[in-house]
C-alpha atoms as a PDB file:
ATOM      1  CA  MET A   1      -8.075 -25.397 -19.750  1.00  0.00           C
ATOM      2  CA  SER A   2     -10.923 -22.998 -18.329  1.00  0.00           C
ATOM      3  CA  LEU A   3     -13.192 -23.162 -15.802  1.00  0.00           C
ATOM      4  CA  LEU A   4     -16.454 -22.347 -16.087  1.00  0.00           C
ATOM      5  CA  PRO A   5     -18.510 -20.491 -13.302  1.00  0.00           C
ATOM      6  CA  THR A   6     -20.882 -22.880 -11.018  1.00  0.00           C
ATOM      7  CA  PRO A   7     -23.254 -22.519  -8.616  1.00  0.00           C
ATOM      8  CA  PRO A   8     -22.570 -22.668  -5.041  1.00  0.00           C
ATOM      9  CA  HIS A   9     -21.763 -26.229  -3.185  1.00  0.00           C
ATOM     10  CA  SER A  10     -20.890 -27.620  -6.541  1.00  0.00           C
ATOM     11  CA  THR A  11     -18.255 -29.851  -7.471  1.00  0.00           C
ATOM     12  CA  LEU A  12     -16.064 -29.611 -10.698  1.00  0.00           C
ATOM     13  CA  THR A  13     -13.798 -32.255 -12.055  1.00  0.00           C
ATOM     14  CA  VAL A  14     -10.239 -31.747 -13.373  1.00  0.00           C
ATOM     15  CA  THR A  15      -9.473 -33.870 -16.133  1.00  0.00           C
ATOM     16  CA  SER A  16      -7.194 -32.375 -18.209  1.00  0.00           C
ATOM     17  CA  THR A  17      -3.816 -30.221 -17.712  1.00  0.00           C
ATOM     18  CA  ILE A  18      -2.639 -27.099 -19.822  1.00  0.00           C
ATOM     19  CA  PRO A  19       0.135 -27.107 -22.220  1.00  0.00           C
ATOM     20  CA  THR A  20       3.595 -27.154 -21.408  1.00  0.00           C
ATOM     21  CA  SER A  21       4.399 -24.060 -23.863  1.00  0.00           C
ATOM     22  CA  THR A  22       3.307 -20.515 -23.425  1.00  0.00           C
ATOM     23  CA  THR A  23       4.238 -18.898 -26.686  1.00  0.00           C
ATOM     24  CA  SER A  24       0.591 -18.379 -27.749  1.00  0.00           C
ATOM     25  CA  LEU A  25      -0.237 -16.581 -24.496  1.00  0.00           C
ATOM     26  CA  ALA A  26       0.474 -12.606 -23.617  1.00  0.00           C
ATOM     27  CA  ALA A  27       3.138 -12.450 -20.871  1.00  0.00           C
ATOM     28  CA  PRO A  28       2.396 -14.052 -17.807  1.00  0.00           C
ATOM     29  CA  ARG A  29       2.198 -11.708 -14.522  1.00  0.00           C
ATOM     30  CA  PRO A  30       5.576 -11.889 -12.321  1.00  0.00           C
ATOM     31  CA  ALA A  31       4.921 -13.876  -8.958  1.00  0.00           C
ATOM     32  CA  VAL A  32       6.117 -13.684  -5.274  1.00  0.00           C
ATOM     33  CA  ILE A  33       6.589 -16.893  -3.558  1.00  0.00           C
ATOM     34  CA  LEU A  34       5.944 -16.617   0.360  1.00  0.00           C
ATOM     35  CA  PRO A  35       7.903 -19.556   2.389  1.00  0.00           C
ATOM     36  CA  GLY A  36       6.223 -21.481   4.514  1.00  0.00           C
ATOM     37  CA  LEU A  37       7.345 -21.696   8.501  1.00  0.00           C
ATOM     38  CA  GLY A  38      11.257 -23.225   8.455  1.00  0.00           C
ATOM     39  CA  ASN A  39      11.567 -23.183   4.753  1.00  0.00           C
ATOM     40  CA  ASN A  40      14.074 -20.606   3.297  1.00  0.00           C
ATOM     41  CA  THR A  41      14.676 -19.403  -0.134  1.00  0.00           C
ATOM     42  CA  GLY A  42      16.405 -21.686  -1.436  1.00  0.00           C
ATOM     43  CA  ASP A  43      13.827 -24.302  -0.962  1.00  0.00           C
ATOM     44  CA  TYR A  44      11.422 -23.373  -4.141  1.00  0.00           C
ATOM     45  CA  LYS A  45      14.665 -22.982  -6.324  1.00  0.00           C
ATOM     46  CA  ASP A  46      13.200 -25.753  -8.539  1.00  0.00           C
ATOM     47  CA  LEU A  47       9.759 -24.384  -8.410  1.00  0.00           C
ATOM     48  CA  VAL A  48      11.134 -20.942  -9.516  1.00  0.00           C
ATOM     49  CA  LEU A  49      13.232 -22.612 -12.528  1.00  0.00           C
ATOM     50  CA  THR A  50      10.219 -24.338 -13.626  1.00  0.00           C
ATOM     51  CA  LEU A  51       7.802 -21.423 -13.410  1.00  0.00           C
ATOM     52  CA  ARG A  52      10.207 -19.503 -15.714  1.00  0.00           C
ATOM     53  CA  GLU A  53      11.182 -21.923 -18.169  1.00  0.00           C
ATOM     54  CA  VAL A  54       8.126 -23.827 -18.490  1.00  0.00           C
ATOM     55  CA  TYR A  55       5.534 -21.562 -17.905  1.00  0.00           C
ATOM     56  CA  GLY A  56       7.553 -18.169 -18.766  1.00  0.00           C
ATOM     57  CA  VAL A  57       6.439 -16.743 -15.298  1.00  0.00           C
ATOM     58  CA  PRO A  58       9.174 -14.467 -13.921  1.00  0.00           C
ATOM     59  CA  THR A  59       9.408 -15.369  -9.953  1.00  0.00           C
ATOM     60  CA  VAL A  60      10.704 -13.832  -7.116  1.00  0.00           C
ATOM     61  CA  VAL A  61      11.274 -15.601  -3.610  1.00  0.00           C
ATOM     62  CA  THR A  62      10.816 -13.702  -0.491  1.00  0.00           C
ATOM     63  CA  LYS A  63      14.200 -13.697   1.232  1.00  0.00           C
ATOM     64  CA  VAL A  64      14.238 -15.845   3.974  1.00  0.00           C
ATOM     65  CA  SER A  65      16.726 -18.077   5.714  1.00  0.00           C
ATOM     66  CA  ARG A  66      15.610 -20.982   8.620  1.00  0.00           C
ATOM     67  CA  VAL A  67      17.877 -18.760  11.040  1.00  0.00           C
ATOM     68  CA  ASP A  68      15.239 -16.062  10.320  1.00  0.00           C
ATOM     69  CA  TRP A  69      12.233 -17.791  11.732  1.00  0.00           C
ATOM     70  CA  LEU A  70      14.071 -17.815  15.139  1.00  0.00           C
ATOM     71  CA  ARG A  71      12.990 -13.923  15.454  1.00  0.00           C
ATOM     72  CA  ASN A  72       9.654 -15.208  16.060  1.00  0.00           C
ATOM     73  CA  ALA A  73      10.657 -16.248  19.623  1.00  0.00           C
ATOM     74  CA  ALA A  74      10.427 -12.501  20.132  1.00  0.00           C
ATOM     75  CA  GLY A  75       6.713 -13.462  20.907  1.00  0.00           C
ATOM     76  CA  LEU A  76       7.547 -15.634  23.723  1.00  0.00           C
ATOM     77  CA  LEU A  77       8.113 -12.097  25.514  1.00  0.00           C
ATOM     78  CA  ASP A  78       4.692 -10.919  25.003  1.00  0.00           C
ATOM     79  CA  PRO A  79       1.958 -11.966  27.780  1.00  0.00           C
ATOM     80  CA  ASN A  80      -0.162 -12.318  24.571  1.00  0.00           C
ATOM     81  CA  TYR A  81       1.330 -15.571  23.685  1.00  0.00           C
ATOM     82  CA  TRP A  82       0.738 -17.517  26.715  1.00  0.00           C
ATOM     83  CA  ARG A  83      -2.795 -16.275  26.356  1.00  0.00           C
ATOM     84  CA  GLY A  84      -3.436 -17.377  23.242  1.00  0.00           C
ATOM     85  CA  THR A  85      -4.251 -14.256  21.943  1.00  0.00           C
ATOM     86  CA  LEU A  86      -1.211 -13.301  20.092  1.00  0.00           C
ATOM     87  CA  ARG A  87      -1.429 -10.749  17.337  1.00  0.00           C
ATOM     88  CA  PRO A  88       1.131 -10.401  14.134  1.00  0.00           C
ATOM     89  CA  ARG A  89       2.904  -7.046  14.783  1.00  0.00           C
ATOM     90  CA  PRO A  90       5.134  -6.499  15.976  1.00  0.00           C
ATOM     91  CA  VAL A  91       6.551 -10.302  15.775  1.00  0.00           C
ATOM     92  CA  LEU A  92       6.021 -10.929  12.195  1.00  0.00           C
ATOM     93  CA  ASP A  93       6.966  -7.254  11.100  1.00  0.00           C
ATOM     94  CA  TRP A  94      10.351  -8.932   9.458  1.00  0.00           C
ATOM     95  CA  TYR A  95       8.666 -11.155   7.352  1.00  0.00           C
ATOM     96  CA  LEU A  96       6.203  -8.722   6.129  1.00  0.00           C
ATOM     97  CA  GLU A  97       8.770  -6.114   5.219  1.00  0.00           C
ATOM     98  CA  ARG A  98      10.595  -8.973   3.187  1.00  0.00           C
ATOM     99  CA  VAL A  99       7.242  -9.500   1.494  1.00  0.00           C
ATOM    100  CA  ASP A 100       7.064  -6.132   0.384  1.00  0.00           C
ATOM    101  CA  GLU A 101      10.755  -6.108  -0.924  1.00  0.00           C
ATOM    102  CA  ALA A 102       9.758  -9.026  -2.891  1.00  0.00           C
ATOM    103  CA  VAL A 103       6.742  -7.580  -4.286  1.00  0.00           C
ATOM    104  CA  ALA A 104       8.775  -4.180  -5.110  1.00  0.00           C
ATOM    105  CA  GLU A 105      11.277  -6.539  -6.976  1.00  0.00           C
ATOM    106  CA  ALA A 106       8.597  -8.226  -8.971  1.00  0.00           C
ATOM    107  CA  LYS A 107       7.063  -5.236 -10.001  1.00  0.00           C
ATOM    108  CA  GLN A 108       9.925  -4.135 -11.709  1.00  0.00           C
ATOM    109  CA  LEU A 109       9.620  -6.869 -14.052  1.00  0.00           C
ATOM    110  CA  LEU A 110       6.378  -5.692 -15.231  1.00  0.00           C
ATOM    111  CA  ALA A 111       6.299  -4.105 -18.810  1.00  0.00           C
ATOM    112  CA  ASP A 112       3.635  -2.071 -17.638  1.00  0.00           C
ATOM    113  CA  ASP A 113       1.322  -0.945 -14.908  1.00  0.00           C
ATOM    114  CA  GLY A 114      -0.012  -4.275 -14.442  1.00  0.00           C
ATOM    115  CA  LYS A 115      -0.300  -6.403 -11.010  1.00  0.00           C
ATOM    116  CA  ILE A 116       1.368  -9.640 -10.126  1.00  0.00           C
ATOM    117  CA  SER A 117       0.527 -13.000  -8.275  1.00  0.00           C
ATOM    118  CA  LEU A 118       1.513 -14.122  -4.637  1.00  0.00           C
ATOM    119  CA  ILE A 119       2.043 -17.823  -4.061  1.00  0.00           C
ATOM    120  CA  GLY A 120       2.079 -18.699  -0.064  1.00  0.00           C
ATOM    121  CA  HIS A 121       3.225 -21.616   0.744  1.00  0.00           C
ATOM    122  CA  SER A 122       2.399 -23.454   4.076  1.00  0.00           C
ATOM    123  CA  ALA A 123       2.218 -20.499   6.602  1.00  0.00           C
ATOM    124  CA  GLY A 124       3.279 -18.383   3.748  1.00  0.00           C
ATOM    125  CA  GLY A 125      -0.401 -18.473   2.774  1.00  0.00           C
ATOM    126  CA  TRP A 126      -2.060 -16.954   5.658  1.00  0.00           C
ATOM    127  CA  LEU A 127       1.048 -14.316   6.073  1.00  0.00           C
ATOM    128  CA  ALA A 128      -0.199 -12.970   2.325  1.00  0.00           C
ATOM    129  CA  ARG A 129      -3.635 -12.547   3.731  1.00  0.00           C
ATOM    130  CA  LEU A 130      -1.882 -10.525   6.388  1.00  0.00           C
ATOM    131  CA  TYR A 131       0.331  -9.006   3.687  1.00  0.00           C
ATOM    132  CA  LEU A 132      -2.771  -7.849   1.779  1.00  0.00           C
ATOM    133  CA  GLU A 133      -4.359  -6.696   4.931  1.00  0.00           C
ATOM    134  CA  GLU A 134      -1.609  -4.308   5.991  1.00  0.00           C
ATOM    135  CA  PHE A 135      -0.300  -3.513   2.806  1.00  0.00           C
ATOM    136  CA  GLY A 136      -3.251  -3.504   0.327  1.00  0.00           C
ATOM    137  CA  THR A 137      -3.989  -5.158  -2.631  1.00  0.00           C
ATOM    138  CA  SER A 138      -3.856  -2.251  -5.392  1.00  0.00           C
ATOM    139  CA  ASN A 139      -0.599  -4.268  -7.039  1.00  0.00           C
ATOM    140  CA  ILE A 140      -2.297  -8.056  -6.387  1.00  0.00           C
ATOM    141  CA  SER A 141      -4.511  -9.816  -8.573  1.00  0.00           C
ATOM    142  CA  LEU A 142      -4.204 -13.297  -7.456  1.00  0.00           C
ATOM    143  CA  LEU A 143      -3.390 -14.857  -3.964  1.00  0.00           C
ATOM    144  CA  LEU A 144      -2.740 -18.795  -4.754  1.00  0.00           C
ATOM    145  CA  THR A 145      -2.059 -21.099  -1.461  1.00  0.00           C
ATOM    146  CA  LEU A 146      -0.768 -24.372  -1.320  1.00  0.00           C
ATOM    147  CA  GLY A 147      -1.480 -26.247   1.534  1.00  0.00           C
ATOM    148  CA  SER A 148      -1.543 -23.422   3.900  1.00  0.00           C
ATOM    149  CA  PRO A 149      -3.635 -23.615   7.299  1.00  0.00           C
ATOM    150  CA  HIS A 150      -6.698 -20.681   7.273  1.00  0.00           C
ATOM    151  CA  SER A 151      -8.475 -21.734  10.225  1.00  0.00           C
ATOM    152  CA  ALA A 152      -7.771 -21.608  14.057  1.00  0.00           C
ATOM    153  CA  PRO A 153      -8.411 -25.159  15.576  1.00  0.00           C
ATOM    154  CA  PRO A 154     -11.563 -25.307  17.348  1.00  0.00           C
ATOM    155  CA  LYS A 155     -11.062 -23.839  21.166  1.00  0.00           C
ATOM    156  CA  GLY A 156     -11.392 -26.156  23.922  1.00  0.00           C
ATOM    157  CA  LEU A 157     -10.369 -29.671  22.635  1.00  0.00           C
ATOM    158  CA  PRO A 158      -8.580 -31.634  25.403  1.00  0.00           C
ATOM    159  CA  GLY A 159      -5.027 -31.805  23.899  1.00  0.00           C
ATOM    160  CA  VAL A 160      -5.350 -29.187  21.255  1.00  0.00           C
ATOM    161  CA  ILE A 161      -3.368 -26.292  21.316  1.00  0.00           C
ATOM    162  CA  ASP A 162      -3.058 -23.415  18.722  1.00  0.00           C
ATOM    163  CA  GLN A 163       0.309 -23.516  17.444  1.00  0.00           C
ATOM    164  CA  THR A 164      -0.248 -20.044  16.145  1.00  0.00           C
ATOM    165  CA  ARG A 165      -0.811 -19.115  19.540  1.00  0.00           C
ATOM    166  CA  GLY A 166      -3.867 -16.417  18.590  1.00  0.00           C
ATOM    167  CA  LEU A 167      -2.236 -15.314  14.908  1.00  0.00           C
ATOM    168  CA  LEU A 168      -4.467 -17.418  12.713  1.00  0.00           C
ATOM    169  CA  ASP A 169      -7.344 -16.533  14.994  1.00  0.00           C
ATOM    170  CA  TYR A 170      -6.530 -12.821  14.518  1.00  0.00           C
ATOM    171  CA  VAL A 171      -6.248 -13.349  10.540  1.00  0.00           C
ATOM    172  CA  GLU A 172      -9.845 -14.795  10.717  1.00  0.00           C
ATOM    173  CA  LYS A 173     -11.312 -12.032  12.352  1.00  0.00           C
ATOM    174  CA  ASN A 174      -9.387  -9.103  10.937  1.00  0.00           C
ATOM    175  CA  CYS A 175      -8.319  -9.746   7.313  1.00  0.00           C
ATOM    176  CA  ALA A 176     -10.453  -9.102   4.591  1.00  0.00           C
ATOM    177  CA  PRO A 177     -12.866 -11.983   3.443  1.00  0.00           C
ATOM    178  CA  ALA A 178     -11.580 -14.440   0.586  1.00  0.00           C
ATOM    179  CA  VAL A 179     -13.088 -13.292  -2.871  1.00  0.00           C
ATOM    180  CA  TYR A 180     -12.705 -14.866  -6.455  1.00  0.00           C
ATOM    181  CA  THR A 181     -13.658 -11.858  -8.959  1.00  0.00           C
ATOM    182  CA  PRO A 182     -11.915 -10.725 -12.167  1.00  0.00           C
ATOM    183  CA  GLU A 183     -10.273  -8.263  -9.881  1.00  0.00           C
ATOM    184  CA  LEU A 184      -8.707 -10.229  -7.107  1.00  0.00           C
ATOM    185  CA  LYS A 185      -8.912 -14.101  -7.059  1.00  0.00           C
ATOM    186  CA  TYR A 186      -8.077 -16.114  -3.884  1.00  0.00           C
ATOM    187  CA  ILE A 187      -7.060 -20.048  -5.141  1.00  0.00           C
ATOM    188  CA  CYS A 188      -6.313 -22.555  -2.171  1.00  0.00           C
ATOM    189  CA  PHE A 189      -4.926 -26.152  -2.956  1.00  0.00           C
ATOM    190  CA  ALA A 190      -4.959 -28.769  -0.542  1.00  0.00           C
ATOM    191  CA  GLY A 191      -3.094 -32.031  -0.556  1.00  0.00           C
ATOM    192  CA  ARG A 192      -4.362 -35.383   0.041  1.00  0.00           C
ATOM    193  CA  TYR A 193      -1.462 -37.600   0.386  1.00  0.00           C
ATOM    194  CA  ILE A 194      -2.196 -39.629   3.628  1.00  0.00           C
ATOM    195  CA  ARG A 195      -4.921 -40.033   6.121  1.00  0.00           C
ATOM    196  CA  GLY A 196      -4.315 -39.638   9.702  1.00  0.00           C
ATOM    197  CA  ALA A 197      -5.787 -41.876  12.546  1.00  0.00           C
ATOM    198  CA  ARG A 198      -6.879 -41.476  16.309  1.00  0.00           C
ATOM    199  CA  LEU A 199      -4.193 -42.016  18.704  1.00  0.00           C
ATOM    200  CA  VAL A 200      -6.445 -44.897  20.362  1.00  0.00           C
ATOM    201  CA  GLY A 201      -9.109 -46.888  18.897  1.00  0.00           C
ATOM    202  CA  ASN A 202     -10.435 -47.367  15.377  1.00  0.00           C
ATOM    203  CA  SER A 203     -10.373 -45.001  12.387  1.00  0.00           C
ATOM    204  CA  LYS A 204     -13.549 -44.503  10.379  1.00  0.00           C
ATOM    205  CA  ASP A 205     -13.990 -46.304   7.472  1.00  0.00           C
ATOM    206  CA  THR A 206     -11.493 -45.467   4.645  1.00  0.00           C
ATOM    207  CA  SER A 207     -13.180 -47.558   1.854  1.00  0.00           C
ATOM    208  CA  ASN A 208     -13.915 -44.432  -0.147  1.00  0.00           C
ATOM    209  CA  ASN A 209     -10.227 -42.946  -0.096  1.00  0.00           C
ATOM    210  CA  LEU A 210     -11.088 -40.607  -3.030  1.00  0.00           C
ATOM    211  CA  ASN A 211     -14.084 -38.796  -1.581  1.00  0.00           C
ATOM    212  CA  PRO A 212     -12.987 -37.794   1.939  1.00  0.00           C
ATOM    213  CA  VAL A 213     -14.843 -34.858   1.990  1.00  0.00           C
ATOM    214  CA  ASP A 214     -18.049 -34.752   3.754  1.00  0.00           C
ATOM    215  CA  GLU A 215     -19.398 -31.024   3.576  1.00  0.00           C
ATOM    216  CA  GLU A 216     -18.237 -28.477   0.852  1.00  0.00           C
ATOM    217  CA  PRO A 217     -17.307 -25.436   2.206  1.00  0.00           C
ATOM    218  CA  ASN A 218     -19.840 -22.555   2.398  1.00  0.00           C
ATOM    219  CA  ASP A 219     -19.969 -20.060  -0.474  1.00  0.00           C
ATOM    220  CA  SER A 220     -17.191 -21.649  -2.532  1.00  0.00           C
ATOM    221  CA  GLU A 221     -16.254 -24.161  -4.974  1.00  0.00           C
ATOM    222  CA  LEU A 222     -14.682 -27.405  -4.627  1.00  0.00           C
ATOM    223  CA  ILE A 223     -12.611 -29.605  -7.368  1.00  0.00           C
ATOM    224  CA  LYS A 224     -11.522 -32.648  -6.593  1.00  0.00           C
ATOM    225  CA  ASP A 225      -8.428 -34.049  -8.953  1.00  0.00           C
ATOM    226  CA  ASN A 226      -9.251 -37.183 -10.621  1.00  0.00           C
ATOM    227  CA  GLY A 227      -6.052 -37.415 -12.592  1.00  0.00           C
ATOM    228  CA  ASN A 228      -3.855 -40.358 -12.801  1.00  0.00           C
ATOM    229  CA  GLN A 229      -2.505 -40.010  -9.348  1.00  0.00           C
ATOM    230  CA  LYS A 230      -4.438 -41.450  -6.447  1.00  0.00           C
ATOM    231  CA  SER A 231      -4.642 -41.181  -2.738  1.00  0.00           C
ATOM    232  CA  LEU A 232      -2.396 -43.263  -0.903  1.00  0.00           C
ATOM    233  CA  SER A 233      -4.264 -45.358   1.397  1.00  0.00           C
ATOM    234  CA  ALA A 234      -3.611 -44.967   5.297  1.00  0.00           C
ATOM    235  CA  THR A 235      -4.215 -47.642   7.612  1.00  0.00           C
ATOM    236  CA  PRO A 236      -3.915 -47.142  11.219  1.00  0.00           C
ATOM    237  CA  SER A 237      -0.276 -47.648  11.460  1.00  0.00           C
ATOM    238  CA  LEU A 238       1.845 -45.818  13.960  1.00  0.00           C
ATOM    239  CA  ARG A 239       2.695 -43.515  10.772  1.00  0.00           C
ATOM    240  CA  ALA A 240      -0.905 -42.683  10.373  1.00  0.00           C
ATOM    241  CA  ARG A 241      -1.602 -42.237  14.078  1.00  0.00           C
ATOM    242  CA  PHE A 242       1.489 -39.799  14.326  1.00  0.00           C
ATOM    243  CA  ILE A 243       0.407 -37.610  11.528  1.00  0.00           C
ATOM    244  CA  GLY A 244      -3.193 -37.785  12.646  1.00  0.00           C
ATOM    245  CA  GLN A 245      -1.994 -35.925  15.741  1.00  0.00           C
ATOM    246  CA  GLY A 246      -0.327 -33.203  13.862  1.00  0.00           C
ATOM    247  CA  TYR A 247      -3.961 -32.681  11.818  1.00  0.00           C
ATOM    248  CA  LYS A 248      -5.712 -32.766  15.125  1.00  0.00           C
ATOM    249  CA  GLN A 249      -3.458 -29.771  16.250  1.00  0.00           C
ATOM    250  CA  VAL A 250      -4.410 -27.867  13.249  1.00  0.00           C
ATOM    251  CA  CYS A 251      -8.179 -28.643  12.618  1.00  0.00           C
ATOM    252  CA  GLY A 252      -9.180 -30.640  15.871  1.00  0.00           C
ATOM    253  CA  GLU A 253      -9.723 -33.841  14.345  1.00  0.00           C
ATOM    254  CA  ALA A 254      -7.230 -36.586  13.484  1.00  0.00           C
ATOM    255  CA  ASP A 255      -8.842 -39.100  11.337  1.00  0.00           C
ATOM    256  CA  VAL A 256      -9.221 -36.892   8.177  1.00  0.00           C
ATOM    257  CA  TRP A 257      -7.126 -36.397   4.939  1.00  0.00           C
ATOM    258  CA  GLY A 258      -4.264 -34.035   4.330  1.00  0.00           C
ATOM    259  CA  ASP A 259      -0.603 -33.556   2.675  1.00  0.00           C
ATOM    260  CA  GLY A 260       1.150 -34.710   5.801  1.00  0.00           C
ATOM    261  CA  VAL A 261       0.906 -31.867   7.801  1.00  0.00           C
ATOM    262  CA  VAL A 262      -1.978 -29.465   6.912  1.00  0.00           C
ATOM    263  CA  PRO A 263      -5.437 -31.148   6.974  1.00  0.00           C
ATOM    264  CA  GLU A 264      -7.587 -30.837   3.788  1.00  0.00           C
ATOM    265  CA  VAL A 265     -10.134 -28.971   5.443  1.00  0.00           C
ATOM    266  CA  SER A 266      -7.881 -26.259   6.964  1.00  0.00           C
ATOM    267  CA  ALA A 267      -6.401 -25.361   3.609  1.00  0.00           C
ATOM    268  CA  HIS A 268      -9.679 -24.445   2.328  1.00  0.00           C
ATOM    269  CA  LEU A 269     -10.677 -20.917   2.528  1.00  0.00           C
ATOM    270  CA  GLU A 270     -14.386 -19.756   2.360  1.00  0.00           C
ATOM    271  CA  GLY A 271     -15.210 -17.774  -0.399  1.00  0.00           C
ATOM    272  CA  ALA A 272     -12.043 -18.868  -2.311  1.00  0.00           C
ATOM    273  CA  LEU A 273     -11.752 -21.116  -5.415  1.00  0.00           C
ATOM    274  CA  ASN A 274     -10.875 -24.468  -3.326  1.00  0.00           C
ATOM    275  CA  ILE A 275      -8.694 -27.205  -5.275  1.00  0.00           C
ATOM    276  CA  SER A 276      -8.085 -30.638  -3.675  1.00  0.00           C
ATOM    277  CA  LEU A 277      -5.484 -32.513  -5.179  1.00  0.00           C
ATOM    278  CA  ASP A 278      -4.718 -36.361  -4.808  1.00  0.00           C
ATOM    279  CA  GLY A 279      -1.290 -37.624  -3.719  1.00  0.00           C
ATOM    280  CA  VAL A 280       0.718 -34.506  -2.724  1.00  0.00           C
ATOM    281  CA  TYR A 281       2.728 -33.842  -0.299  1.00  0.00           C
ATOM    282  CA  HIS A 282       3.175 -30.734   1.648  1.00  0.00           C
ATOM    283  CA  SER A 283       6.533 -29.458   1.703  1.00  0.00           C
ATOM    284  CA  PRO A 284       9.541 -29.352  -0.982  1.00  0.00           C
ATOM    285  CA  VAL A 285      11.815 -30.479   2.204  1.00  0.00           C
ATOM    286  CA  GLY A 286      11.492 -34.231   1.941  1.00  0.00           C
ATOM    287  CA  SER A 287       9.817 -34.714  -1.021  1.00  0.00           C
ATOM    288  CA  ASP A 288      10.301 -36.671  -4.394  1.00  0.00           C
ATOM    289  CA  ASP A 289       9.166 -35.596  -7.772  1.00  0.00           C
ATOM    290  CA  THR A 290       7.944 -39.141  -8.586  1.00  0.00           C
ATOM    291  CA  THR A 291       7.109 -41.063  -5.404  1.00  0.00           C
ATOM    292  CA  ARG A 292       6.370 -38.418  -3.149  1.00  0.00           C
ATOM    293  CA  PRO A 293       5.496 -35.196  -5.296  1.00  0.00           C
ATOM    294  CA  TRP A 294       4.848 -31.720  -3.526  1.00  0.00           C
ATOM    295  CA  TYR A 295       2.596 -28.772  -4.833  1.00  0.00           C
ATOM    296  CA  GLY A 296       5.570 -27.344  -6.828  1.00  0.00           C
ATOM    297  CA  SER A 297       6.662 -30.852  -8.394  1.00  0.00           C
ATOM    298  CA  PRO A 298       6.138 -30.509 -12.058  1.00  0.00           C
ATOM    299  CA  SER A 299       3.627 -33.088 -12.410  1.00  0.00           C
ATOM    300  CA  VAL A 300       1.544 -31.204  -9.723  1.00  0.00           C
ATOM    301  CA  LEU A 301       2.423 -27.591 -10.990  1.00  0.00           C
ATOM    302  CA  GLU A 302       0.636 -28.392 -14.564  1.00  0.00           C
ATOM    303  CA  LYS A 303      -2.395 -28.704 -12.398  1.00  0.00           C
ATOM    304  CA  TRP A 304      -2.522 -25.155 -11.259  1.00  0.00           C
ATOM    305  CA  ALA A 305       0.336 -23.285 -13.286  1.00  0.00           C
ATOM    306  CA  HIS A 306      -2.620 -22.001 -15.767  1.00  0.00           C
ATOM    307  CA  HIS A 307      -3.992 -19.783 -12.909  1.00  0.00           C
ATOM    308  CA  LEU A 308      -0.696 -17.399 -13.434  1.00  0.00           C
ATOM    309  CA  LEU A 309      -1.403 -17.160 -16.866  1.00  0.00           C
ATOM    310  CA  THR A 310      -4.481 -16.031 -16.832  1.00  0.00           C
END
């Protein structure tokens, strides 16, 4: 399947999938997976296996354990943490160095002087942007993000606290803008698994469950997946209200669609090729390939794996 260039602010519909055999294609680029906050290397073993066995993509996962994330607690000693103006370094040096080690390992899998792909899951997506800013893009041809919050929450909203304590704001202001060019492509996937609800009061009309995006991101393309899966309808249940409060901490609104953790609007990035997938859950932890598929489940992977092959 190929995607033809379209004018800005247009909507493309994805109705087909790619073949599960890649025997007729050139050798795919190696890929490096950047784990999300709280995830470890082992959480992605099934994704790595499918990428290798089905699509022929040699894949390296950045070596991260759950205990490693406790290193971020060092940021508590920085006064900028409490001001909400925390900077990535030195707090995230350990993660960026692990990514660079994984990139070096992936480069050894290249048959020539080619480039590799970065796959950032959740926080791994904006950490990948930070990596590109700090280490350069000369070895990278694709940044593909899965349910990554790319923008800091609006400032000054009651009850909203930037969970990154200024890190996302730093990334927005200091990292290069996203692009979609032959040399370097940014592709951002958002899941529409459940719609959140306000903590109190009625939610907005949810009758149009398959078209939750009121405004498309500026200077980017939006693709809505109209495949067999359907977004799960969410009424203002206790669960929806709880998830809505999580969404609110990320984008400032509770009554929006998302993957159960990251709102759809936050997972899209201006300048990138933005794609929304119905019925997709946020994390490999707690997912089920049949009833609660995540971005790396086989049925979902077939909707984005072709970007690693071109």
